[in-house]
Each structure stands twice: as C-alpha cells, then as structure tokens.
Protein backbone atom coordinates (compact mmCIF):
# COMPACT_ATOMS: atom_id res chain seq x y z
CA MET A 1 69.73 244.26 109.26
CA THR A 2 68.61 247.25 107.60
CA ASP A 3 65.03 247.97 108.05
CA ASP A 4 63.23 247.57 104.71
CA HIS A 5 59.58 248.16 105.48
CA PHE A 6 59.61 251.28 103.25
CA LEU A 7 59.90 249.22 100.19
CA ASP A 8 56.30 248.01 100.84
CA GLU A 9 54.81 251.54 100.46
CA ALA A 10 53.15 252.44 97.27
CA ARG A 11 55.30 255.54 96.55
CA GLU A 12 56.31 256.65 92.91
CA VAL A 13 59.92 257.21 91.98
CA PRO A 14 60.88 260.83 92.87
CA SER A 15 61.28 261.75 89.19
CA ILE A 16 57.37 261.11 88.87
CA ALA A 17 56.29 262.28 92.14
CA PRO A 18 58.95 264.65 93.61
CA MET A 19 59.66 263.96 97.19
CA GLU A 20 61.39 266.67 99.62
CA ARG A 21 64.99 266.43 99.95
CA VAL A 22 65.66 263.09 98.06
CA VAL A 23 68.97 263.61 96.24
CA ALA A 24 69.63 260.25 94.64
CA TRP A 25 67.72 257.11 94.03
CA SER A 26 68.04 253.61 92.26
CA VAL A 27 65.32 251.88 90.52
CA PHE A 28 64.83 247.91 90.25
CA ARG A 29 62.61 245.37 88.96
CA SER A 30 62.43 242.95 91.82
CA ARG A 31 62.10 243.77 95.49
CA GLU A 32 65.08 241.48 96.27
CA ASP A 33 67.27 243.51 94.23
CA ALA A 34 66.12 246.81 96.00
CA ARG A 35 66.57 245.00 99.30
CA HIS A 36 70.17 244.00 98.25
CA LEU A 37 71.20 247.56 97.55
CA LEU A 38 70.29 248.53 101.17
CA GLU A 39 73.21 246.63 102.70
CA HIS A 40 75.56 248.69 100.36
CA VAL A 41 74.43 252.34 100.94
CA TYR A 42 76.68 254.16 103.47
CA LEU A 43 74.95 257.22 105.02
CA ALA A 44 76.48 260.37 106.56
CA PRO A 45 74.87 262.16 109.43
CA GLY A 46 71.62 263.72 108.57
CA GLN A 47 70.83 261.10 105.68
CA GLY A 48 68.33 258.35 105.65
CA LEU A 49 67.03 255.71 103.33
CA VAL A 50 63.52 256.06 101.48
CA GLY A 51 61.88 254.25 98.82
CA GLY A 52 58.92 252.37 97.90
CA HIS A 53 57.25 250.62 94.68
CA GLY A 54 55.20 251.62 91.88
CA ARG A 55 54.36 250.36 88.41
CA ASP A 56 54.96 251.53 84.95
CA SER A 57 53.83 250.55 81.38
CA VAL A 58 56.33 247.86 81.48
CA ALA A 59 56.18 246.13 85.04
CA PRO A 60 56.36 246.87 88.68
CA TYR A 61 59.32 248.47 90.16
CA TRP A 62 60.98 249.25 93.61
CA TRP A 63 62.95 252.10 94.37
CA VAL A 64 65.71 253.15 97.22
CA GLY A 65 66.86 256.64 97.74
CA VAL A 66 68.81 258.91 100.04
CA GLN A 67 66.88 261.73 101.91
CA VAL A 68 68.88 264.33 103.50
CA ARG A 69 67.96 266.57 106.40
CA ASP A 70 69.21 269.94 104.77
CA LEU A 71 69.52 270.27 100.99
CA SER A 72 71.63 273.34 101.30
CA GLN A 73 74.28 271.40 103.52
CA TRP A 74 74.12 268.30 101.06
CA GLY A 75 76.08 270.15 98.25
CA ASN A 76 75.11 271.06 94.82
CA ALA A 77 71.31 271.09 94.47
CA ALA A 78 71.79 270.71 90.61
CA ALA A 79 73.47 267.51 91.12
CA VAL A 80 70.33 265.77 92.36
CA ASN A 81 69.39 262.45 90.60
CA LYS A 82 67.04 263.84 87.61
CA ARG A 83 68.24 261.25 84.91
CA GLY A 84 65.17 260.04 82.88
CA ARG A 85 61.61 259.23 84.18
CA LEU A 86 62.74 256.20 86.15
CA GLY A 87 66.38 257.38 86.89
CA ASP A 88 67.93 255.71 83.78
C-alpha cells in the first residue's frame, strides 16, 4: 500500500505556490479520488510522490504530483505541467 500521508498536508498546488522539482500533478475534489491515483503512478528512479490539499473559491481540493531529484535529467523543463491555475 502506498503511503498517502502527504495528502493531509496543507500545501497549495504548484501552479499557485511553486514547489521545487515538481514536474507533473493532478488535482481532485476528493481525497479519495487523489488517493486512488497513487496506486496507478509508476515512478522511475529519482522520482517520488508529493502532494497536499488546499481550497479555492469553489471547494477544497487535493493534489498529487511527481517530484524529480534532478530536473536537468528529467527532460524538457518547458514540459513541466503549467496548464491553468489548478492544472486544468
């Protein structure tokens, strides 16, 4: 079973509060949906799961992301998920 303790940390999504070396993330409206994603993420060496929860003008949200050890080895830094304020 994947450790999901980071979902309980109050931490804004990286598009609002940038987080070092986080290259991709997904945003959910329920903790259960965010937790479900964890079992389906395949990580390469040097990658780890990060995330947290916050609240926007609509409702609470939870997010799950991938943090890399070395951004220069990850690939194209311009490809980092930067779509929309909440990744949408």
